[in-house]
Amino acid sequence: MRVYPPECCTLDHSSYRHSFAAEVFMFGLMMAEAMERKASYHQYSTPNAVKMKLKGLRPELEKRMKHPEFGPLSDLIIRCWSASPDMRPSFSQICEEMKVIIGQHQSSHK
């Protein structure tokens, strides 16, 4: 439940249909977990983590993720967490942005 999008966490599951937008939300959380080296909502019990998501609260990105070098990646992660599934990027958009982010990172470290 910790990585599920808010639309999966409601008590009324009858209106929910799995979507790529749900996968994008989970991908964004897992990307943040990989960058931060800790689980999302790690400091909360599962019920409290679900309540936070339903209230629109997302994990705080660590200070290093706010460094300008990580800015585009942080922005992408945050967009993946949008409360509105329609506002989340598609996986095609994510792939295109990741190519740019990786290209910028490689060129700045030559």
PDB file of N, CA and C in Angstrom:
ATOM      1  N   MET A   1       0.811  -1.207   0.000  1.00  0.00           N
ATOM      2  CA  MET A   1       0.000   0.000   0.000  1.00  0.00           C
ATOM      3  C   MET A   1       0.853   1.269   0.000  1.00  0.00           C
ATOM      4  N   ARG A   2       2.089   1.176   0.449  1.00  0.00           N
ATOM      5  CA  ARG A   2       2.915   2.376   0.543  1.00  0.00           C
ATOM      6  C   ARG A   2       3.225   2.994  -0.817  1.00  0.00           C
ATOM      7  N   VAL A   3       3.327   2.180  -1.859  1.00  0.00           N
ATOM      8  CA  VAL A   3       3.657   2.747  -3.174  1.00  0.00           C
ATOM      9  C   VAL A   3       2.434   2.898  -4.068  1.00  0.00           C
ATOM     10  N   TYR A   4       1.273   2.457  -3.617  1.00  0.00           N
ATOM     11  CA  TYR A   4       0.076   2.591  -4.441  1.00  0.00           C
ATOM     12  C   TYR A   4      -0.318   4.054  -4.571  1.00  0.00           C
ATOM     13  N   PRO A   5      -0.886   4.429  -5.711  1.00  0.00           N
ATOM     14  CA  PRO A   5      -1.352   5.805  -5.877  1.00  0.00           C
ATOM     15  C   PRO A   5      -2.599   6.052  -5.035  1.00  0.00           C
ATOM     16  N   PRO A   6      -2.919   7.314  -4.779  1.00  0.00           N
ATOM     17  CA  PRO A   6      -4.064   7.615  -3.912  1.00  0.00           C
ATOM     18  C   PRO A   6      -5.376   7.004  -4.415  1.00  0.00           C
ATOM     19  N   GLU A   7      -5.552   6.941  -5.729  1.00  0.00           N
ATOM     20  CA  GLU A   7      -6.805   6.405  -6.254  1.00  0.00           C
ATOM     21  C   GLU A   7      -6.981   4.918  -5.947  1.00  0.00           C
ATOM     22  N   CYS A   8      -5.918   4.227  -5.568  1.00  0.00           N
ATOM     23  CA  CYS A   8      -5.999   2.803  -5.197  1.00  0.00           C
ATOM     24  C   CYS A   8      -6.245   2.632  -3.706  1.00  0.00           C
ATOM     25  N   CYS A   9      -6.156   3.696  -2.947  1.00  0.00           N
ATOM     26  CA  CYS A   9      -6.191   3.598  -1.491  1.00  0.00           C
ATOM     27  C   CYS A   9      -7.546   3.932  -0.884  1.00  0.00           C
ATOM     28  N   THR A  10      -8.533   4.195  -1.703  1.00  0.00           N
ATOM     29  CA  THR A  10      -9.852   4.532  -1.165  1.00  0.00           C
ATOM     30  C   THR A  10     -10.574   3.265  -0.750  1.00  0.00           C
ATOM     31  N   LEU A  11     -11.569   3.413   0.099  1.00  0.00           N
ATOM     32  CA  LEU A  11     -12.342   2.259   0.556  1.00  0.00           C
ATOM     33  C   LEU A  11     -13.258   1.730  -0.542  1.00  0.00           C
ATOM     34  N   ASP A  12     -13.648   2.611  -1.462  1.00  0.00           N
ATOM     35  CA  ASP A  12     -14.537   2.197  -2.552  1.00  0.00           C
ATOM     36  C   ASP A  12     -13.697   1.817  -3.765  1.00  0.00           C
ATOM     37  N   HIS A  13     -13.353   0.551  -3.862  1.00  0.00           N
ATOM     38  CA  HIS A  13     -12.539   0.079  -4.976  1.00  0.00           C
ATOM     39  C   HIS A  13     -13.360  -0.156  -6.233  1.00  0.00           C
ATOM     40  N   SER A  14     -14.685  -0.066  -6.138  1.00  0.00           N
ATOM     41  CA  SER A  14     -15.530  -0.400  -7.281  1.00  0.00           C
ATOM     42  C   SER A  14     -15.329   0.547  -8.456  1.00  0.00           C
ATOM     43  N   SER A  15     -14.955   1.784  -8.183  1.00  0.00           N
ATOM     44  CA  SER A  15     -14.784   2.753  -9.267  1.00  0.00           C
ATOM     45  C   SER A  15     -13.353   2.787  -9.811  1.00  0.00           C
ATOM     46  N   TYR A  16     -12.447   2.079  -9.151  1.00  0.00           N
ATOM     47  CA  TYR A  16     -11.048   2.127  -9.575  1.00  0.00           C
ATOM     48  C   TYR A  16     -10.767   1.117 -10.685  1.00  0.00           C
ATOM     49  N   ARG A  17     -10.055   1.598 -11.711  1.00  0.00           N
ATOM     50  CA  ARG A  17      -9.556   0.729 -12.768  1.00  0.00           C
ATOM     51  C   ARG A  17      -8.060   0.977 -12.863  1.00  0.00           C
ATOM     52  N   HIS A  18      -7.303  -0.114 -12.860  1.00  0.00           N
ATOM     53  CA  HIS A  18      -5.851   0.029 -12.948  1.00  0.00           C
ATOM     54  C   HIS A  18      -5.483   0.744 -14.247  1.00  0.00           C
ATOM     55  N   SER A  19      -4.463   1.578 -14.184  1.00  0.00           N
ATOM     56  CA  SER A  19      -4.077   2.363 -15.356  1.00  0.00           C
ATOM     57  C   SER A  19      -2.572   2.561 -15.394  1.00  0.00           C
ATOM     58  N   PHE A  20      -2.096   3.049 -16.549  1.00  0.00           N
ATOM     59  CA  PHE A  20      -0.689   3.401 -16.655  1.00  0.00           C
ATOM     60  C   PHE A  20      -0.369   4.563 -15.726  1.00  0.00           C
ATOM     61  N   ALA A  21      -1.343   5.441 -15.478  1.00  0.00           N
ATOM     62  CA  ALA A  21      -1.112   6.564 -14.561  1.00  0.00           C
ATOM     63  C   ALA A  21      -0.797   6.053 -13.154  1.00  0.00           C
ATOM     64  N   ALA A  22      -1.438   4.956 -12.756  1.00  0.00           N
ATOM     65  CA  ALA A  22      -1.142   4.356 -11.451  1.00  0.00           C
ATOM     66  C   ALA A  22       0.294   3.825 -11.434  1.00  0.00           C
ATOM     67  N   GLU A  23       0.690   3.212 -12.541  1.00  0.00           N
ATOM     68  CA  GLU A  23       2.066   2.708 -12.653  1.00  0.00           C
ATOM     69  C   GLU A  23       3.079   3.850 -12.593  1.00  0.00           C
ATOM     70  N   VAL A  24       2.733   4.979 -13.186  1.00  0.00           N
ATOM     71  CA  VAL A  24       3.619   6.148 -13.170  1.00  0.00           C
ATOM     72  C   VAL A  24       3.811   6.643 -11.744  1.00  0.00           C
ATOM     73  N   PHE A  25       2.724   6.707 -10.977  1.00  0.00           N
ATOM     74  CA  PHE A  25       2.823   7.130  -9.579  1.00  0.00           C
ATOM     75  C   PHE A  25       3.795   6.214  -8.823  1.00  0.00           C
ATOM     76  N   MET A  26       3.604   4.903  -8.985  1.00  0.00           N
ATOM     77  CA  MET A  26       4.455   3.944  -8.290  1.00  0.00           C
ATOM     78  C   MET A  26       5.902   4.049  -8.771  1.00  0.00           C
ATOM     79  N   PHE A  27       6.103   4.274 -10.059  1.00  0.00           N
ATOM     80  CA  PHE A  27       7.444   4.451 -10.612  1.00  0.00           C
ATOM     81  C   PHE A  27       8.117   5.666  -9.978  1.00  0.00           C
ATOM     82  N   GLY A  28       7.382   6.767  -9.835  1.00  0.00           N
ATOM     83  CA  GLY A  28       7.930   7.976  -9.215  1.00  0.00           C
ATOM     84  C   GLY A  28       8.370   7.721  -7.785  1.00  0.00           C
ATOM     85  N   LEU A  29       7.551   6.988  -7.026  1.00  0.00           N
ATOM     86  CA  LEU A  29       7.944   6.666  -5.649  1.00  0.00           C
ATOM     87  C   LEU A  29       9.179   5.777  -5.620  1.00  0.00           C
ATOM     88  N   MET A  30       9.219   4.797  -6.504  1.00  0.00           N
ATOM     89  CA  MET A  30      10.382   3.902  -6.510  1.00  0.00           C
ATOM     90  C   MET A  30      11.651   4.616  -6.980  1.00  0.00           C
ATOM     91  N   MET A  31      11.500   5.572  -7.902  1.00  0.00           N
ATOM     92  CA  MET A  31      12.666   6.365  -8.318  1.00  0.00           C
ATOM     93  C   MET A  31      13.197   7.166  -7.130  1.00  0.00           C
ATOM     94  N   ALA A  32      12.290   7.769  -6.376  1.00  0.00           N
ATOM     95  CA  ALA A  32      12.704   8.536  -5.192  1.00  0.00           C
ATOM     96  C   ALA A  32      13.359   7.618  -4.169  1.00  0.00           C
ATOM     97  N   GLU A  33      12.788   6.430  -3.975  1.00  0.00           N
ATOM     98  CA  GLU A  33      13.375   5.486  -3.032  1.00  0.00           C
ATOM     99  C   GLU A  33      14.788   5.090  -3.444  1.00  0.00           C
ATOM    100  N   ALA A  34      14.986   4.871  -4.727  1.00  0.00           N
ATOM    101  CA  ALA A  34      16.319   4.499  -5.214  1.00  0.00           C
ATOM    102  C   ALA A  34      17.312   5.646  -5.008  1.00  0.00           C
ATOM    103  N   MET A  35      16.883   6.870  -5.284  1.00  0.00           N
ATOM    104  CA  MET A  35      17.774   8.026  -5.133  1.00  0.00           C
ATOM    105  C   MET A  35      18.061   8.331  -3.661  1.00  0.00           C
ATOM    106  N   GLU A  36      17.060   8.126  -2.815  1.00  0.00           N
ATOM    107  CA  GLU A  36      17.196   8.493  -1.409  1.00  0.00           C
ATOM    108  C   GLU A  36      17.680   7.334  -0.542  1.00  0.00           C
ATOM    109  N   ARG A  37      17.644   6.139  -1.103  1.00  0.00           N
ATOM    110  CA  ARG A  37      18.088   4.928  -0.396  1.00  0.00           C
ATOM    111  C   ARG A  37      17.274   4.643   0.864  1.00  0.00           C
ATOM    112  N   LYS A  38      15.969   4.907   0.769  1.00  0.00           N
ATOM    113  CA  LYS A  38      15.059   4.558   1.867  1.00  0.00           C
ATOM    114  C   LYS A  38      13.639   4.478   1.317  1.00  0.00           C
ATOM    115  N   ALA A  39      12.812   3.731   2.014  1.00  0.00           N
ATOM    116  CA  ALA A  39      11.439   3.523   1.568  1.00  0.00           C
ATOM    117  C   ALA A  39      10.610   4.795   1.720  1.00  0.00           C
ATOM    118  N   SER A  40       9.688   4.984   0.801  1.00  0.00           N
ATOM    119  CA  SER A  40       8.756   6.102   0.900  1.00  0.00           C
ATOM    120  C   SER A  40       7.894   5.938   2.147  1.00  0.00           C
ATOM    121  N   TYR A  41       7.638   7.043   2.801  1.00  0.00           N
ATOM    122  CA  TYR A  41       6.799   7.041   4.013  1.00  0.00           C
ATOM    123  C   TYR A  41       7.362   6.097   5.085  1.00  0.00           C
ATOM    124  N   HIS A  42       8.677   5.895   5.098  1.00  0.00           N
ATOM    125  CA  HIS A  42       9.298   4.937   6.020  1.00  0.00           C
ATOM    126  C   HIS A  42       9.019   5.246   7.490  1.00  0.00           C
ATOM    127  N   GLN A  43       8.798   6.506   7.810  1.00  0.00           N
ATOM    128  CA  GLN A  43       8.610   6.889   9.199  1.00  0.00           C
ATOM    129  C   GLN A  43       7.158   6.747   9.667  1.00  0.00           C
ATOM    130  N   TYR A  44       6.262   6.275   8.771  1.00  0.00           N
ATOM    131  CA  TYR A  44       4.846   6.160   9.108  1.00  0.00           C
ATOM    132  C   TYR A  44       4.380   4.708   9.028  1.00  0.00           C
ATOM    133  N   SER A  45       3.394   4.395   9.824  1.00  0.00           N
ATOM    134  CA  SER A  45       2.744   3.086   9.691  1.00  0.00           C
ATOM    135  C   SER A  45       2.005   3.081   8.350  1.00  0.00           C
ATOM    136  N   THR A  46       1.679   1.902   7.849  1.00  0.00           N
ATOM    137  CA  THR A  46       0.990   1.824   6.554  1.00  0.00           C
ATOM    138  C   THR A  46      -0.334   2.596   6.570  1.00  0.00           C
ATOM    139  N   PRO A  47      -1.185   2.458   7.603  1.00  0.00           N
ATOM    140  CA  PRO A  47      -2.433   3.239   7.593  1.00  0.00           C
ATOM    141  C   PRO A  47      -2.189   4.750   7.556  1.00  0.00           C
ATOM    142  N   ASN A  48      -1.179   5.212   8.280  1.00  0.00           N
ATOM    143  CA  ASN A  48      -0.881   6.647   8.268  1.00  0.00           C
ATOM    144  C   ASN A  48      -0.296   7.090   6.930  1.00  0.00           C
ATOM    145  N   ALA A  49       0.497   6.235   6.296  1.00  0.00           N
ATOM    146  CA  ALA A  49       1.037   6.562   4.972  1.00  0.00           C
ATOM    147  C   ALA A  49      -0.095   6.698   3.964  1.00  0.00           C
ATOM    148  N   VAL A  50      -1.075   5.818   4.048  1.00  0.00           N
ATOM    149  CA  VAL A  50      -2.239   5.894   3.150  1.00  0.00           C
ATOM    150  C   VAL A  50      -3.012   7.185   3.399  1.00  0.00           C
ATOM    151  N   LYS A  51      -3.229   7.532   4.655  1.00  0.00           N
ATOM    152  CA  LYS A  51      -3.936   8.773   4.984  1.00  0.00           C
ATOM    153  C   LYS A  51      -3.205   9.981   4.411  1.00  0.00           C
ATOM    154  N   MET A  52      -1.877   9.977   4.509  1.00  0.00           N
ATOM    155  CA  MET A  52      -1.090  11.092   3.976  1.00  0.00           C
ATOM    156  C   MET A  52      -1.293  11.224   2.475  1.00  0.00           C
ATOM    157  N   LYS A  53      -1.252  10.088   1.754  1.00  0.00           N
ATOM    158  CA  LYS A  53      -1.443  10.130   0.297  1.00  0.00           C
ATOM    159  C   LYS A  53      -2.825  10.665  -0.050  1.00  0.00           C
ATOM    160  N   LEU A  54      -3.838  10.210   0.681  1.00  0.00           N
ATOM    161  CA  LEU A  54      -5.203  10.656   0.393  1.00  0.00           C
ATOM    162  C   LEU A  54      -5.377  12.151   0.662  1.00  0.00           C
ATOM    163  N   LYS A  55      -4.572  12.700   1.577  1.00  0.00           N
ATOM    164  CA  LYS A  55      -4.596  14.134   1.859  1.00  0.00           C
ATOM    165  C   LYS A  55      -3.754  14.929   0.861  1.00  0.00           C
ATOM    166  N   GLY A  56      -3.070  14.225  -0.055  1.00  0.00           N
ATOM    167  CA  GLY A  56      -2.246  14.897  -1.049  1.00  0.00           C
ATOM    168  C   GLY A  56      -0.814  15.121  -0.613  1.00  0.00           C
ATOM    169  N   LEU A  57      -0.430  14.577   0.524  1.00  0.00           N
ATOM    170  CA  LEU A  57       0.940  14.754   1.014  1.00  0.00           C
ATOM    171  C   LEU A  57       1.834  13.682   0.416  1.00  0.00           C
ATOM    172  N   ARG A  58       3.017  14.098  -0.012  1.00  0.00           N
ATOM    173  CA  ARG A  58       3.979  13.185  -0.616  1.00  0.00           C
ATOM    174  C   ARG A  58       5.265  13.219   0.200  1.00  0.00           C
ATOM    175  N   PRO A  59       6.122  12.222   0.019  1.00  0.00           N
ATOM    176  CA  PRO A  59       7.392  12.228   0.760  1.00  0.00           C
ATOM    177  C   PRO A  59       8.202  13.492   0.440  1.00  0.00           C
ATOM    178  N   GLU A  60       8.896  13.957   1.440  1.00  0.00           N
ATOM    179  CA  GLU A  60       9.789  15.110   1.244  1.00  0.00           C
ATOM    180  C   GLU A  60      11.075  14.600   0.612  1.00  0.00           C
ATOM    181  N   LEU A  61      11.493  15.250  -0.455  1.00  0.00           N
ATOM    182  CA  LEU A  61      12.769  14.869  -1.064  1.00  0.00           C
ATOM    183  C   LEU A  61      13.909  15.393  -0.205  1.00  0.00           C
ATOM    184  N   GLU A  62      14.907  14.577  -0.042  1.00  0.00           N
ATOM    185  CA  GLU A  62      16.060  14.951   0.767  1.00  0.00           C
ATOM    186  C   GLU A  62      16.756  16.180   0.177  1.00  0.00           C
ATOM    187  N   LYS A  63      17.542  16.818   1.006  1.00  0.00           N
ATOM    188  CA  LYS A  63      18.254  18.032   0.616  1.00  0.00           C
ATOM    189  C   LYS A  63      19.095  17.829  -0.640  1.00  0.00           C
ATOM    190  N   ARG A  64      19.772  16.675  -0.762  1.00  0.00           N
ATOM    191  CA  ARG A  64      20.630  16.468  -1.929  1.00  0.00           C
ATOM    192  C   ARG A  64      19.827  16.381  -3.217  1.00  0.00           C
ATOM    193  N   MET A  65      18.573  15.931  -3.139  1.00  0.00           N
ATOM    194  CA  MET A  65      17.731  15.856  -4.334  1.00  0.00           C
ATOM    195  C   MET A  65      17.266  17.242  -4.777  1.00  0.00           C
ATOM    196  N   LYS A  66      17.443  18.235  -3.892  1.00  0.00           N
ATOM    197  CA  LYS A  66      17.076  19.609  -4.236  1.00  0.00           C
ATOM    198  C   LYS A  66      18.246  20.365  -4.850  1.00  0.00           C
ATOM    199  N   HIS A  67      19.396  19.716  -4.938  1.00  0.00           N
ATOM    200  CA  HIS A  67      20.578  20.316  -5.565  1.00  0.00           C
ATOM    201  C   HIS A  67      20.247  20.570  -7.037  1.00  0.00           C
ATOM    202  N   PRO A  68      20.710  21.692  -7.612  1.00  0.00           N
ATOM    203  CA  PRO A  68      20.394  21.989  -9.015  1.00  0.00           C
ATOM    204  C   PRO A  68      20.702  20.852  -9.995  1.00  0.00           C
ATOM    205  N   GLU A  69      21.726  20.069  -9.702  1.00  0.00           N
ATOM    206  CA  GLU A  69      22.073  18.953 -10.582  1.00  0.00           C
ATOM    207  C   GLU A  69      20.923  17.941 -10.683  1.00  0.00           C
ATOM    208  N   PHE A  70      20.179  17.788  -9.606  1.00  0.00           N
ATOM    209  CA  PHE A  70      19.076  16.835  -9.577  1.00  0.00           C
ATOM    210  C   PHE A  70      17.722  17.490  -9.874  1.00  0.00           C
ATOM    211  N   GLY A  71      17.717  18.782 -10.120  1.00  0.00           N
ATOM    212  CA  GLY A  71      16.467  19.516 -10.338  1.00  0.00           C
ATOM    213  C   GLY A  71      15.529  18.880 -11.347  1.00  0.00           C
ATOM    214  N   PRO A  72      15.998  18.597 -12.573  1.00  0.00           N
ATOM    215  CA  PRO A  72      15.091  17.991 -13.555  1.00  0.00           C
ATOM    216  C   PRO A  72      14.555  16.628 -13.114  1.00  0.00           C
ATOM    217  N   LEU A  73      15.385  15.823 -12.452  1.00  0.00           N
ATOM    218  CA  LEU A  73      14.930  14.521 -11.985  1.00  0.00           C
ATOM    219  C   LEU A  73      13.924  14.685 -10.849  1.00  0.00           C
ATOM    220  N   SER A  74      14.200  15.598  -9.917  1.00  0.00           N
ATOM    221  CA  SER A  74      13.265  15.869  -8.826  1.00  0.00           C
ATOM    222  C   SER A  74      11.927  16.347  -9.367  1.00  0.00           C
ATOM    223  N   ASP A  75      11.971  17.243 -10.353  1.00  0.00           N
ATOM    224  CA  ASP A  75      10.727  17.746 -10.956  1.00  0.00           C
ATOM    225  C   ASP A  75       9.934  16.613 -11.590  1.00  0.00           C
ATOM    226  N   LEU A  76      10.616  15.711 -12.275  1.00  0.00           N
ATOM    227  CA  LEU A  76       9.952  14.578 -12.911  1.00  0.00           C
ATOM    228  C   LEU A  76       9.314  13.675 -11.850  1.00  0.00           C
ATOM    229  N   ILE A  77      10.031  13.385 -10.793  1.00  0.00           N
ATOM    230  CA  ILE A  77       9.501  12.552  -9.706  1.00  0.00           C
ATOM    231  C   ILE A  77       8.241  13.188  -9.132  1.00  0.00           C
ATOM    232  N   ILE A  78       8.293  14.469  -8.865  1.00  0.00           N
ATOM    233  CA  ILE A  78       7.149  15.170  -8.274  1.00  0.00           C
ATOM    234  C   ILE A  78       5.947  15.150  -9.218  1.00  0.00           C
ATOM    235  N   ARG A  79       6.186  15.303 -10.514  1.00  0.00           N
ATOM    236  CA  ARG A  79       5.076  15.240 -11.477  1.00  0.00           C
ATOM    237  C   ARG A  79       4.457  13.843 -11.521  1.00  0.00           C
ATOM    238  N   CYS A  80       5.282  12.823 -11.322  1.00  0.00           N
ATOM    239  CA  CYS A  80       4.758  11.445 -11.282  1.00  0.00           C
ATOM    240  C   CYS A  80       3.816  11.254 -10.094  1.00  0.00           C
ATOM    241  N   TRP A  81       3.969  12.045  -9.045  1.00  0.00           N
ATOM    242  CA  TRP A  81       3.165  11.929  -7.831  1.00  0.00           C
ATOM    243  C   TRP A  81       1.886  12.746  -7.871  1.00  0.00           C
ATOM    244  N   SER A  82       1.557  13.340  -8.982  1.00  0.00           N
ATOM    245  CA  SER A  82       0.377  14.202  -9.049  1.00  0.00           C
ATOM    246  C   SER A  82      -0.851  13.480  -8.499  1.00  0.00           C
ATOM    247  N   ALA A  83      -1.666  14.198  -7.732  1.00  0.00           N
ATOM    248  CA  ALA A  83      -2.906  13.620  -7.195  1.00  0.00           C
ATOM    249  C   ALA A  83      -3.878  13.285  -8.323  1.00  0.00           C
ATOM    250  N   SER A  84      -3.779  14.018  -9.411  1.00  0.00           N
ATOM    251  CA  SER A  84      -4.653  13.773 -10.561  1.00  0.00           C
ATOM    252  C   SER A  84      -3.942  12.854 -11.549  1.00  0.00           C
ATOM    253  N   PRO A  85      -4.469  11.660 -11.783  1.00  0.00           N
ATOM    254  CA  PRO A  85      -3.827  10.744 -12.730  1.00  0.00           C
ATOM    255  C   PRO A  85      -3.619  11.365 -14.116  1.00  0.00           C
ATOM    256  N   ASP A  86      -4.523  12.234 -14.534  1.00  0.00           N
ATOM    257  CA  ASP A  86      -4.406  12.874 -15.855  1.00  0.00           C
ATOM    258  C   ASP A  86      -3.233  13.842 -15.945  1.00  0.00           C
ATOM    259  N   MET A  87      -2.733  14.297 -14.796  1.00  0.00           N
ATOM    260  CA  MET A  87      -1.621  15.257 -14.791  1.00  0.00           C
ATOM    261  C   MET A  87      -0.258  14.567 -14.737  1.00  0.00           C
ATOM    262  N   ARG A  88      -0.237  13.262 -14.537  1.00  0.00           N
ATOM    263  CA  ARG A  88       1.034  12.532 -14.484  1.00  0.00           C
ATOM    264  C   ARG A  88       1.570  12.340 -15.900  1.00  0.00           C
ATOM    265  N   PRO A  89       2.900  12.366 -16.065  1.00  0.00           N
ATOM    266  CA  PRO A  89       3.462  12.140 -17.405  1.00  0.00           C
ATOM    267  C   PRO A  89       3.236  10.700 -17.848  1.00  0.00           C
ATOM    268  N   SER A  90       3.256  10.494 -19.137  1.00  0.00           N
ATOM    269  CA  SER A  90       3.180   9.128 -19.673  1.00  0.00           C
ATOM    270  C   SER A  90       4.574   8.511 -19.588  1.00  0.00           C
ATOM    271  N   PHE A  91       4.649   7.191 -19.763  1.00  0.00           N
ATOM    272  CA  PHE A  91       5.964   6.559 -19.757  1.00  0.00           C
ATOM    273  C   PHE A  91       6.791   7.001 -20.963  1.00  0.00           C
ATOM    274  N   SER A  92       6.143   7.330 -22.053  1.00  0.00           N
ATOM    275  CA  SER A  92       6.875   7.872 -23.212  1.00  0.00           C
ATOM    276  C   SER A  92       7.534   9.198 -22.844  1.00  0.00           C
ATOM    277  N   GLN A  93       6.777  10.059 -22.162  1.00  0.00           N
ATOM    278  CA  GLN A  93       7.334  11.345 -21.722  1.00  0.00           C
ATOM    279  C   GLN A  93       8.470  11.126 -20.724  1.00  0.00           C
ATOM    280  N   ILE A  94       8.275  10.185 -19.804  1.00  0.00           N
ATOM    281  CA  ILE A  94       9.312   9.895 -18.811  1.00  0.00           C
ATOM    282  C   ILE A  94      10.589   9.446 -19.507  1.00  0.00           C
ATOM    283  N   CYS A  95      10.462   8.550 -20.478  1.00  0.00           N
ATOM    284  CA  CYS A  95      11.647   8.062 -21.209  1.00  0.00           C
ATOM    285  C   CYS A  95      12.359   9.195 -21.930  1.00  0.00           C
ATOM    286  N   GLU A  96      11.608  10.062 -22.586  1.00  0.00           N
ATOM    287  CA  GLU A  96      12.221  11.191 -23.293  1.00  0.00           C
ATOM    288  C   GLU A  96      12.934  12.123 -22.319  1.00  0.00           C
ATOM    289  N   GLU A  97      12.295  12.427 -21.199  1.00  0.00           N
ATOM    290  CA  GLU A  97      12.923  13.310 -20.212  1.00  0.00           C
ATOM    291  C   GLU A  97      14.154  12.667 -19.584  1.00  0.00           C
ATOM    292  N   MET A  98      14.082  11.361 -19.336  1.00  0.00           N
ATOM    293  CA  MET A  98      15.235  10.669 -18.754  1.00  0.00           C
ATOM    294  C   MET A  98      16.423  10.683 -19.717  1.00  0.00           C
ATOM    295  N   LYS A  99      16.174  10.568 -21.024  1.00  0.00           N
ATOM    296  CA  LYS A  99      17.266  10.652 -22.004  1.00  0.00           C
ATOM    297  C   LYS A  99      17.957  12.009 -21.913  1.00  0.00           C
ATOM    298  N   VAL A 100      17.153  13.071 -21.793  1.00  0.00           N
ATOM    299  CA  VAL A 100      17.715  14.423 -21.689  1.00  0.00           C
ATOM    300  C   VAL A 100      18.491  14.565 -20.381  1.00  0.00           C
ATOM    301  N   ILE A 101      17.895  14.108 -19.280  1.00  0.00           N
ATOM    302  CA  ILE A 101      18.545  14.218 -17.968  1.00  0.00           C
ATOM    303  C   ILE A 101      19.874  13.456 -17.963  1.00  0.00           C
ATOM    304  N   ILE A 102      19.876  12.241 -18.495  1.00  0.00           N
ATOM    305  CA  ILE A 102      21.104  11.439 -18.539  1.00  0.00           C
ATOM    306  C   ILE A 102      22.130  12.088 -19.448  1.00  0.00           C
ATOM    307  N   GLY A 103      21.690  12.608 -20.580  1.00  0.00           N
ATOM    308  CA  GLY A 103      22.601  13.294 -21.498  1.00  0.00           C
ATOM    309  C   GLY A 103      23.246  14.507 -20.854  1.00  0.00           C
ATOM    310  N   GLN A 104      22.449  15.297 -20.140  1.00  0.00           N
ATOM    311  CA  GLN A 104      22.999  16.476 -19.450  1.00  0.00           C
ATOM    312  C   GLN A 104      23.984  16.050 -18.372  1.00  0.00           C
ATOM    313  N   HIS A 105      23.656  15.007 -17.657  1.00  0.00           N
ATOM    314  CA  HIS A 105      24.530  14.528 -16.578  1.00  0.00           C
ATOM    315  C   HIS A 105      25.861  14.031 -17.158  1.00  0.00           C
ATOM    316  N   GLN A 106      25.786  13.278 -18.247  1.00  0.00           N
ATOM    317  CA  GLN A 106      27.012  12.754 -18.861  1.00  0.00           C
ATOM    318  C   GLN A 106      27.883  13.868 -19.406  1.00  0.00           C
ATOM    319  N   SER A 107      27.269  14.860 -20.051  1.00  0.00           N
ATOM    320  CA  SER A 107      28.072  15.943 -20.628  1.00  0.00           C
ATOM    321  C   SER A 107      28.680  16.848 -19.559  1.00  0.00           C
ATOM    322  N   SER A 108      28.037  16.943 -18.403  1.00  0.00           N
ATOM    323  CA  SER A 108      28.597  17.800 -17.345  1.00  0.00           C
ATOM    324  C   SER A 108      29.675  17.083 -16.537  1.00  0.00           C
ATOM    325  N   HIS A 109      29.833  15.786 -16.731  1.00  0.00           N
ATOM    326  CA  HIS A 109      30.835  15.032 -15.988  1.00  0.00           C
ATOM    327  C   HIS A 109      31.933  14.460 -16.883  1.00  0.00           C
ATOM    328  N   LYS A 110      32.177  15.117 -17.988  1.00  0.00           N
ATOM    329  CA  LYS A 110      33.263  14.684 -18.887  1.00  0.00           C
ATOM    330  C   LYS A 110      34.547  15.374 -18.525  1.00  0.00           C
TER     331      LYS A 110
END
